[in-house]
Amino acid sequence: MSTATATATDQNIWQELRDNICETEVWLRTTLKDFLEEYGITQQQFNILRILRDANNEPMSTKEIKAKMIDKNSDASRLVDRLVDKELVRKRQSPEDGRLIQVFINYEGIKLLAKIDDKLHELDDQFELLSEDEAEQLNALLEKVRV
């Protein structure tokens, strides 16, 4: 095989990999969007609720929330305001620094996450084609690429 052929083949493999990752991302985002529609929240709002729940009732600023979000380009302030409108979180001014806003998950937000958690296995079932070893390997490979 010539060097030109090897290079073309390699490029096709990497292009196929990029295409596969992009197609998988679109499929997963659509699947999650459809799943969360039943609960009236978006994927970004779901992510924020989980972040706030994991804070164990400690307040978080929108800046801290954004740093932990999967999609770092999201407008955390706008998303928090929508969750406040849905009465899933509450916010207040920081007693230490009035310029900062503190965000807390409230009981309704925790209750909604519990409902979602009860059905989350339905999403995970779509990965049952993979063994646990394959899932661990895929997780490791994806993390390796993102480093």
N, C-alpha and C. Protein backbone atom coordinates (compact mmCIF):
# COMPACT_ATOMS: atom_id res chain seq x y z
N MET A 1 0.86 -1.18 0.00
CA MET A 1 0.00 0.00 0.00
C MET A 1 0.89 1.23 0.00
N SER A 2 0.56 2.19 -0.82
CA SER A 2 1.37 3.41 -0.89
C SER A 2 1.06 4.32 0.29
N THR A 3 1.95 5.27 0.52
CA THR A 3 1.76 6.24 1.60
C THR A 3 0.50 7.06 1.37
N ALA A 4 0.25 7.42 0.11
CA ALA A 4 -0.95 8.21 -0.22
C ALA A 4 -2.21 7.43 0.11
N THR A 5 -2.21 6.12 -0.19
CA THR A 5 -3.39 5.29 0.10
C THR A 5 -3.57 5.14 1.60
N ALA A 6 -2.49 4.93 2.33
CA ALA A 6 -2.57 4.79 3.78
C ALA A 6 -3.11 6.06 4.41
N THR A 7 -2.64 7.21 3.95
CA THR A 7 -3.09 8.48 4.48
C THR A 7 -4.57 8.69 4.19
N ALA A 8 -5.01 8.38 2.97
CA ALA A 8 -6.43 8.52 2.61
C ALA A 8 -7.28 7.60 3.48
N THR A 9 -6.81 6.37 3.70
CA THR A 9 -7.56 5.42 4.53
C THR A 9 -7.63 5.93 5.97
N ASP A 10 -6.50 6.41 6.50
CA ASP A 10 -6.48 6.94 7.86
C ASP A 10 -7.45 8.11 8.00
N GLN A 11 -7.44 9.02 7.01
CA GLN A 11 -8.35 10.16 7.06
C GLN A 11 -9.79 9.70 7.04
N ASN A 12 -10.09 8.67 6.28
CA ASN A 12 -11.45 8.15 6.25
C ASN A 12 -11.87 7.58 7.59
N ILE A 13 -10.94 6.93 8.28
CA ILE A 13 -11.24 6.37 9.60
C ILE A 13 -11.53 7.50 10.59
N TRP A 14 -10.68 8.55 10.58
CA TRP A 14 -10.89 9.66 11.50
C TRP A 14 -12.15 10.44 11.15
N GLN A 15 -12.43 10.59 9.87
CA GLN A 15 -13.67 11.26 9.46
C GLN A 15 -14.88 10.44 9.89
N GLU A 16 -14.79 9.12 9.72
CA GLU A 16 -15.89 8.25 10.15
C GLU A 16 -16.09 8.36 11.66
N LEU A 17 -14.98 8.42 12.41
CA LEU A 17 -15.07 8.58 13.86
C LEU A 17 -15.76 9.89 14.22
N ARG A 18 -15.32 10.99 13.60
CA ARG A 18 -15.97 12.28 13.86
C ARG A 18 -17.46 12.23 13.54
N ASP A 19 -17.78 11.67 12.38
CA ASP A 19 -19.19 11.57 11.97
C ASP A 19 -19.99 10.73 12.96
N ASN A 20 -19.41 9.61 13.39
CA ASN A 20 -20.10 8.74 14.35
C ASN A 20 -20.35 9.44 15.67
N ILE A 21 -19.35 10.17 16.16
CA ILE A 21 -19.52 10.89 17.43
C ILE A 21 -20.59 11.97 17.27
N CYS A 22 -20.57 12.70 16.15
CA CYS A 22 -21.58 13.74 15.92
C CYS A 22 -22.97 13.14 15.81
N GLU A 23 -23.11 12.06 15.08
CA GLU A 23 -24.43 11.41 14.94
C GLU A 23 -24.92 10.89 16.29
N THR A 24 -24.01 10.33 17.08
CA THR A 24 -24.37 9.82 18.39
C THR A 24 -24.80 10.95 19.32
N GLU A 25 -24.09 12.08 19.24
CA GLU A 25 -24.45 13.22 20.06
C GLU A 25 -25.85 13.72 19.72
N VAL A 26 -26.16 13.82 18.44
CA VAL A 26 -27.49 14.27 18.02
C VAL A 26 -28.55 13.27 18.47
N TRP A 27 -28.28 11.98 18.29
CA TRP A 27 -29.23 10.93 18.71
C TRP A 27 -29.47 11.01 20.21
N LEU A 28 -28.39 11.12 21.00
CA LEU A 28 -28.53 11.14 22.45
C LEU A 28 -29.24 12.40 22.93
N ARG A 29 -28.89 13.55 22.34
CA ARG A 29 -29.54 14.82 22.72
C ARG A 29 -31.04 14.76 22.42
N THR A 30 -31.41 14.21 21.25
CA THR A 30 -32.82 14.09 20.87
C THR A 30 -33.55 13.12 21.80
N THR A 31 -32.91 12.01 22.11
CA THR A 31 -33.50 11.01 23.00
C THR A 31 -33.75 11.60 24.38
N LEU A 32 -32.76 12.32 24.90
CA LEU A 32 -32.90 12.94 26.22
C LEU A 32 -33.95 14.05 26.19
N LYS A 33 -33.97 14.83 25.13
CA LYS A 33 -34.98 15.89 24.99
C LYS A 33 -36.38 15.29 25.03
N ASP A 34 -36.59 14.24 24.25
CA ASP A 34 -37.91 13.58 24.22
C ASP A 34 -38.27 13.01 25.59
N PHE A 35 -37.30 12.42 26.27
CA PHE A 35 -37.52 11.85 27.61
C PHE A 35 -37.91 12.93 28.61
N LEU A 36 -37.21 14.07 28.59
CA LEU A 36 -37.44 15.13 29.57
C LEU A 36 -38.68 15.96 29.28
N GLU A 37 -39.19 15.92 28.04
CA GLU A 37 -40.40 16.68 27.70
C GLU A 37 -41.56 16.32 28.62
N GLU A 38 -41.65 15.06 29.00
CA GLU A 38 -42.71 14.60 29.90
C GLU A 38 -42.67 15.37 31.23
N TYR A 39 -41.50 15.84 31.61
CA TYR A 39 -41.32 16.51 32.90
C TYR A 39 -41.27 18.03 32.77
N GLY A 40 -41.36 18.53 31.54
CA GLY A 40 -41.42 19.97 31.31
C GLY A 40 -40.11 20.71 31.53
N ILE A 41 -38.99 20.00 31.39
CA ILE A 41 -37.69 20.67 31.53
C ILE A 41 -36.78 20.29 30.37
N THR A 42 -35.76 21.12 30.18
CA THR A 42 -34.78 20.86 29.13
C THR A 42 -33.59 20.11 29.72
N GLN A 43 -32.71 19.67 28.85
CA GLN A 43 -31.51 18.97 29.29
C GLN A 43 -30.65 19.88 30.17
N GLN A 44 -30.51 21.15 29.79
CA GLN A 44 -29.70 22.08 30.58
C GLN A 44 -30.34 22.32 31.96
N GLN A 45 -31.66 22.43 32.00
CA GLN A 45 -32.34 22.61 33.28
C GLN A 45 -32.18 21.37 34.15
N PHE A 46 -32.26 20.19 33.55
CA PHE A 46 -32.04 18.94 34.25
C PHE A 46 -30.63 18.91 34.84
N ASN A 47 -29.67 19.33 34.05
CA ASN A 47 -28.28 19.38 34.50
C ASN A 47 -28.14 20.30 35.72
N ILE A 48 -28.76 21.47 35.67
CA ILE A 48 -28.69 22.41 36.80
C ILE A 48 -29.35 21.82 38.04
N LEU A 49 -30.50 21.20 37.89
CA LEU A 49 -31.17 20.59 39.04
C LEU A 49 -30.28 19.52 39.69
N ARG A 50 -29.63 18.71 38.88
CA ARG A 50 -28.74 17.68 39.42
C ARG A 50 -27.54 18.31 40.13
N ILE A 51 -26.99 19.36 39.56
CA ILE A 51 -25.86 20.06 40.19
C ILE A 51 -26.28 20.61 41.56
N LEU A 52 -27.45 21.25 41.61
CA LEU A 52 -27.93 21.82 42.87
C LEU A 52 -28.26 20.73 43.89
N ARG A 53 -28.82 19.63 43.44
CA ARG A 53 -29.10 18.52 44.37
C ARG A 53 -27.79 18.00 44.96
N ASP A 54 -26.77 17.86 44.11
CA ASP A 54 -25.48 17.35 44.57
C ASP A 54 -24.79 18.32 45.53
N ALA A 55 -25.22 19.57 45.58
CA ALA A 55 -24.64 20.56 46.49
C ALA A 55 -25.12 20.36 47.92
N ASN A 56 -26.02 19.41 48.14
CA ASN A 56 -26.52 19.07 49.49
C ASN A 56 -27.04 20.28 50.25
N ASN A 57 -27.92 21.02 49.61
CA ASN A 57 -28.60 22.16 50.23
C ASN A 57 -27.68 23.35 50.50
N GLU A 58 -26.47 23.31 49.96
CA GLU A 58 -25.58 24.47 50.05
C GLU A 58 -25.89 25.39 48.87
N PRO A 59 -25.85 26.69 49.09
CA PRO A 59 -26.13 27.61 47.98
C PRO A 59 -25.00 27.58 46.95
N MET A 60 -25.36 27.83 45.71
CA MET A 60 -24.37 27.94 44.63
C MET A 60 -24.65 29.20 43.83
N SER A 61 -23.59 29.84 43.38
CA SER A 61 -23.78 30.99 42.50
C SER A 61 -23.98 30.47 41.08
N THR A 62 -24.52 31.32 40.22
CA THR A 62 -24.69 30.91 38.82
C THR A 62 -23.33 30.64 38.18
N LYS A 63 -22.30 31.35 38.63
CA LYS A 63 -20.95 31.12 38.11
C LYS A 63 -20.47 29.71 38.48
N GLU A 64 -20.71 29.30 39.71
CA GLU A 64 -20.34 27.94 40.15
C GLU A 64 -21.13 26.88 39.39
N ILE A 65 -22.42 27.16 39.18
CA ILE A 65 -23.27 26.23 38.44
C ILE A 65 -22.74 26.07 37.03
N LYS A 66 -22.46 27.17 36.38
CA LYS A 66 -21.98 27.14 34.99
C LYS A 66 -20.69 26.34 34.88
N ALA A 67 -19.80 26.46 35.85
CA ALA A 67 -18.52 25.74 35.83
C ALA A 67 -18.73 24.23 35.89
N LYS A 68 -19.83 23.79 36.48
CA LYS A 68 -20.10 22.36 36.61
C LYS A 68 -21.00 21.80 35.51
N MET A 69 -21.54 22.69 34.68
CA MET A 69 -22.47 22.25 33.64
C MET A 69 -21.76 21.48 32.54
N ILE A 70 -22.48 20.58 31.91
CA ILE A 70 -21.96 19.82 30.78
C ILE A 70 -21.73 20.77 29.61
N ASP A 71 -22.72 21.61 29.33
CA ASP A 71 -22.63 22.57 28.23
C ASP A 71 -22.20 23.91 28.81
N LYS A 72 -20.91 24.21 28.72
CA LYS A 72 -20.35 25.42 29.32
C LYS A 72 -20.83 26.70 28.61
N ASN A 73 -21.42 26.57 27.43
CA ASN A 73 -21.90 27.73 26.69
C ASN A 73 -23.31 28.14 27.09
N SER A 74 -23.93 27.39 27.98
CA SER A 74 -25.30 27.70 28.40
C SER A 74 -25.33 28.98 29.21
N ASP A 75 -26.44 29.68 29.13
CA ASP A 75 -26.67 30.89 29.93
C ASP A 75 -27.29 30.45 31.25
N ALA A 76 -26.44 30.22 32.24
CA ALA A 76 -26.89 29.68 33.52
C ALA A 76 -27.91 30.61 34.19
N SER A 77 -27.71 31.91 34.11
CA SER A 77 -28.64 32.86 34.75
C SER A 77 -30.04 32.72 34.17
N ARG A 78 -30.12 32.67 32.86
CA ARG A 78 -31.42 32.54 32.19
C ARG A 78 -32.08 31.20 32.55
N LEU A 79 -31.28 30.14 32.56
CA LEU A 79 -31.81 28.81 32.88
C LEU A 79 -32.31 28.76 34.33
N VAL A 80 -31.56 29.38 35.23
CA VAL A 80 -31.98 29.42 36.64
C VAL A 80 -33.29 30.19 36.76
N ASP A 81 -33.41 31.32 36.05
CA ASP A 81 -34.65 32.10 36.09
C ASP A 81 -35.84 31.26 35.63
N ARG A 82 -35.65 30.46 34.61
CA ARG A 82 -36.74 29.59 34.14
C ARG A 82 -37.09 28.54 35.19
N LEU A 83 -36.09 28.03 35.89
CA LEU A 83 -36.36 27.06 36.96
C LEU A 83 -37.05 27.72 38.15
N VAL A 84 -36.73 28.98 38.41
CA VAL A 84 -37.43 29.75 39.45
C VAL A 84 -38.90 29.91 39.05
N ASP A 85 -39.14 30.26 37.78
CA ASP A 85 -40.51 30.40 37.27
C ASP A 85 -41.30 29.10 37.42
N LYS A 86 -40.62 27.98 37.28
CA LYS A 86 -41.28 26.66 37.42
C LYS A 86 -41.35 26.21 38.87
N GLU A 87 -40.83 27.06 39.77
CA GLU A 87 -40.83 26.80 41.22
C GLU A 87 -40.06 25.54 41.58
N LEU A 88 -38.96 25.29 40.84
CA LEU A 88 -38.11 24.14 41.11
C LEU A 88 -36.84 24.53 41.88
N VAL A 89 -36.47 25.81 41.79
CA VAL A 89 -35.33 26.34 42.55
C VAL A 89 -35.72 27.71 43.09
N ARG A 90 -34.92 28.17 44.03
CA ARG A 90 -35.12 29.53 44.53
C ARG A 90 -33.76 30.21 44.55
N LYS A 91 -33.80 31.52 44.49
CA LYS A 91 -32.55 32.27 44.56
C LYS A 91 -32.72 33.43 45.51
N ARG A 92 -31.57 33.88 46.03
CA ARG A 92 -31.55 35.03 46.94
C ARG A 92 -30.20 35.70 46.82
N GLN A 93 -30.14 36.93 47.32
CA GLN A 93 -28.86 37.63 47.37
C GLN A 93 -28.02 37.01 48.47
N SER A 94 -26.73 36.95 48.24
CA SER A 94 -25.81 36.43 49.25
C SER A 94 -25.78 37.37 50.44
N PRO A 95 -25.91 36.83 51.66
CA PRO A 95 -25.83 37.70 52.84
C PRO A 95 -24.43 38.32 53.00
N GLU A 96 -23.39 37.63 52.50
CA GLU A 96 -22.02 38.12 52.62
C GLU A 96 -21.68 39.15 51.54
N ASP A 97 -22.24 38.96 50.35
CA ASP A 97 -21.92 39.84 49.21
C ASP A 97 -23.19 40.05 48.40
N GLY A 98 -23.81 41.19 48.58
CA GLY A 98 -25.08 41.48 47.94
C GLY A 98 -25.05 41.46 46.41
N ARG A 99 -23.85 41.47 45.83
CA ARG A 99 -23.74 41.41 44.37
C ARG A 99 -23.92 39.99 43.85
N LEU A 100 -23.74 39.01 44.74
CA LEU A 100 -23.85 37.61 44.32
C LEU A 100 -25.25 37.07 44.57
N ILE A 101 -25.68 36.22 43.66
CA ILE A 101 -26.97 35.53 43.79
C ILE A 101 -26.69 34.08 44.17
N GLN A 102 -27.39 33.61 45.18
CA GLN A 102 -27.27 32.22 45.60
C GLN A 102 -28.49 31.45 45.11
N VAL A 103 -28.25 30.24 44.63
CA VAL A 103 -29.32 29.41 44.08
C VAL A 103 -29.40 28.12 44.89
N PHE A 104 -30.62 27.72 45.20
CA PHE A 104 -30.89 26.49 45.95
C PHE A 104 -31.94 25.68 45.19
N ILE A 105 -31.86 24.38 45.26
CA ILE A 105 -32.95 23.54 44.76
C ILE A 105 -34.01 23.50 45.86
N ASN A 106 -35.28 23.54 45.50
CA ASN A 106 -36.32 23.45 46.53
C ASN A 106 -36.97 22.06 46.49
N TYR A 107 -37.94 21.88 47.35
CA TYR A 107 -38.57 20.56 47.49
C TYR A 107 -39.18 20.08 46.18
N GLU A 108 -39.82 20.98 45.43
CA GLU A 108 -40.43 20.59 44.15
C GLU A 108 -39.37 20.12 43.16
N GLY A 109 -38.22 20.75 43.17
CA GLY A 109 -37.13 20.34 42.29
C GLY A 109 -36.59 18.96 42.66
N ILE A 110 -36.45 18.72 43.95
CA ILE A 110 -35.99 17.41 44.43
C ILE A 110 -37.01 16.33 44.08
N LYS A 111 -38.29 16.67 44.26
CA LYS A 111 -39.36 15.73 43.94
C LYS A 111 -39.36 15.38 42.45
N LEU A 112 -39.17 16.39 41.60
CA LEU A 112 -39.12 16.16 40.15
C LEU A 112 -37.94 15.26 39.80
N LEU A 113 -36.77 15.52 40.38
CA LEU A 113 -35.61 14.67 40.10
C LEU A 113 -35.85 13.23 40.55
N ALA A 114 -36.55 13.05 41.65
CA ALA A 114 -36.86 11.69 42.12
C ALA A 114 -37.74 10.97 41.10
N LYS A 115 -38.73 11.68 40.54
CA LYS A 115 -39.58 11.09 39.50
C LYS A 115 -38.75 10.70 38.28
N ILE A 116 -37.87 11.61 37.88
CA ILE A 116 -37.02 11.34 36.71
C ILE A 116 -36.09 10.16 37.00
N ASP A 117 -35.49 10.15 38.18
CA ASP A 117 -34.59 9.06 38.56
C ASP A 117 -35.28 7.70 38.48
N ASP A 118 -36.56 7.68 38.85
CA ASP A 118 -37.33 6.42 38.80
C ASP A 118 -37.45 5.86 37.39
N LYS A 119 -37.39 6.73 36.39
CA LYS A 119 -37.55 6.30 35.00
C LYS A 119 -36.27 6.41 34.17
N LEU A 120 -35.21 6.88 34.79
CA LEU A 120 -33.95 7.09 34.06
C LEU A 120 -33.41 5.80 33.47
N HIS A 121 -33.74 4.68 34.09
CA HIS A 121 -33.29 3.38 33.56
C HIS A 121 -33.79 3.15 32.14
N GLU A 122 -34.92 3.77 31.79
CA GLU A 122 -35.45 3.62 30.43
C GLU A 122 -34.46 4.20 29.40
N LEU A 123 -33.80 5.29 29.78
CA LEU A 123 -32.77 5.85 28.90
C LEU A 123 -31.55 4.93 28.86
N ASP A 124 -31.14 4.48 30.03
CA ASP A 124 -29.95 3.63 30.12
C ASP A 124 -30.14 2.29 29.42
N ASP A 125 -31.37 1.83 29.33
CA ASP A 125 -31.66 0.54 28.67
C ASP A 125 -31.21 0.55 27.21
N GLN A 126 -31.13 1.72 26.62
CA GLN A 126 -30.73 1.81 25.22
C GLN A 126 -29.26 1.43 25.02
N PHE A 127 -28.51 1.38 26.12
CA PHE A 127 -27.10 1.01 26.04
C PHE A 127 -26.86 -0.45 26.39
N GLU A 128 -27.94 -1.21 26.58
CA GLU A 128 -27.81 -2.61 26.98
C GLU A 128 -27.11 -3.48 25.95
N LEU A 129 -26.98 -2.99 24.72
CA LEU A 129 -26.25 -3.74 23.70
C LEU A 129 -24.78 -3.87 24.07
N LEU A 130 -24.32 -2.98 24.94
CA LEU A 130 -22.93 -3.02 25.39
C LEU A 130 -22.82 -3.79 26.70
N SER A 131 -21.74 -4.55 26.84
CA SER A 131 -21.47 -5.19 28.13
C SER A 131 -20.93 -4.11 29.07
N GLU A 132 -20.83 -4.43 30.36
CA GLU A 132 -20.26 -3.46 31.30
C GLU A 132 -18.82 -3.14 30.93
N ASP A 133 -18.07 -4.17 30.52
CA ASP A 133 -16.68 -3.94 30.10
C ASP A 133 -16.61 -3.00 28.90
N GLU A 134 -17.49 -3.21 27.91
CA GLU A 134 -17.51 -2.34 26.74
C GLU A 134 -17.89 -0.91 27.12
N ALA A 135 -18.85 -0.78 28.04
CA ALA A 135 -19.26 0.56 28.49
C ALA A 135 -18.10 1.26 29.20
N GLU A 136 -17.39 0.52 30.05
CA GLU A 136 -16.23 1.11 30.74
C GLU A 136 -15.16 1.51 29.73
N GLN A 137 -14.93 0.67 28.72
CA GLN A 137 -13.93 0.97 27.71
C GLN A 137 -14.33 2.20 26.89
N LEU A 138 -15.59 2.27 26.50
CA LEU A 138 -16.08 3.42 25.73
C LEU A 138 -15.97 4.69 26.56
N ASN A 139 -16.35 4.63 27.84
CA ASN A 139 -16.20 5.79 28.72
C ASN A 139 -14.75 6.24 28.79
N ALA A 140 -13.83 5.31 28.96
CA ALA A 140 -12.40 5.63 29.05
C ALA A 140 -11.91 6.25 27.75
N LEU A 141 -12.32 5.69 26.62
CA LEU A 141 -11.88 6.23 25.33
C LEU A 141 -12.41 7.64 25.09
N LEU A 142 -13.67 7.87 25.41
CA LEU A 142 -14.25 9.20 25.23
C LEU A 142 -13.58 10.23 26.14
N GLU A 143 -13.30 9.83 27.37
CA GLU A 143 -12.61 10.73 28.30
C GLU A 143 -11.19 11.01 27.80
N LYS A 144 -10.53 9.99 27.25
CA LYS A 144 -9.17 10.15 26.73
C LYS A 144 -9.14 11.17 25.59
N VAL A 145 -10.12 11.13 24.73
CA VAL A 145 -10.18 12.05 23.58
C VAL A 145 -10.41 13.48 24.04
N ARG A 146 -11.19 13.67 25.10
CA ARG A 146 -11.53 15.02 25.56
C ARG A 146 -10.42 15.68 26.37
N VAL A 147 -9.42 14.93 26.78
CA VAL A 147 -8.36 15.51 27.62
C VAL A 147 -7.51 16.49 26.88
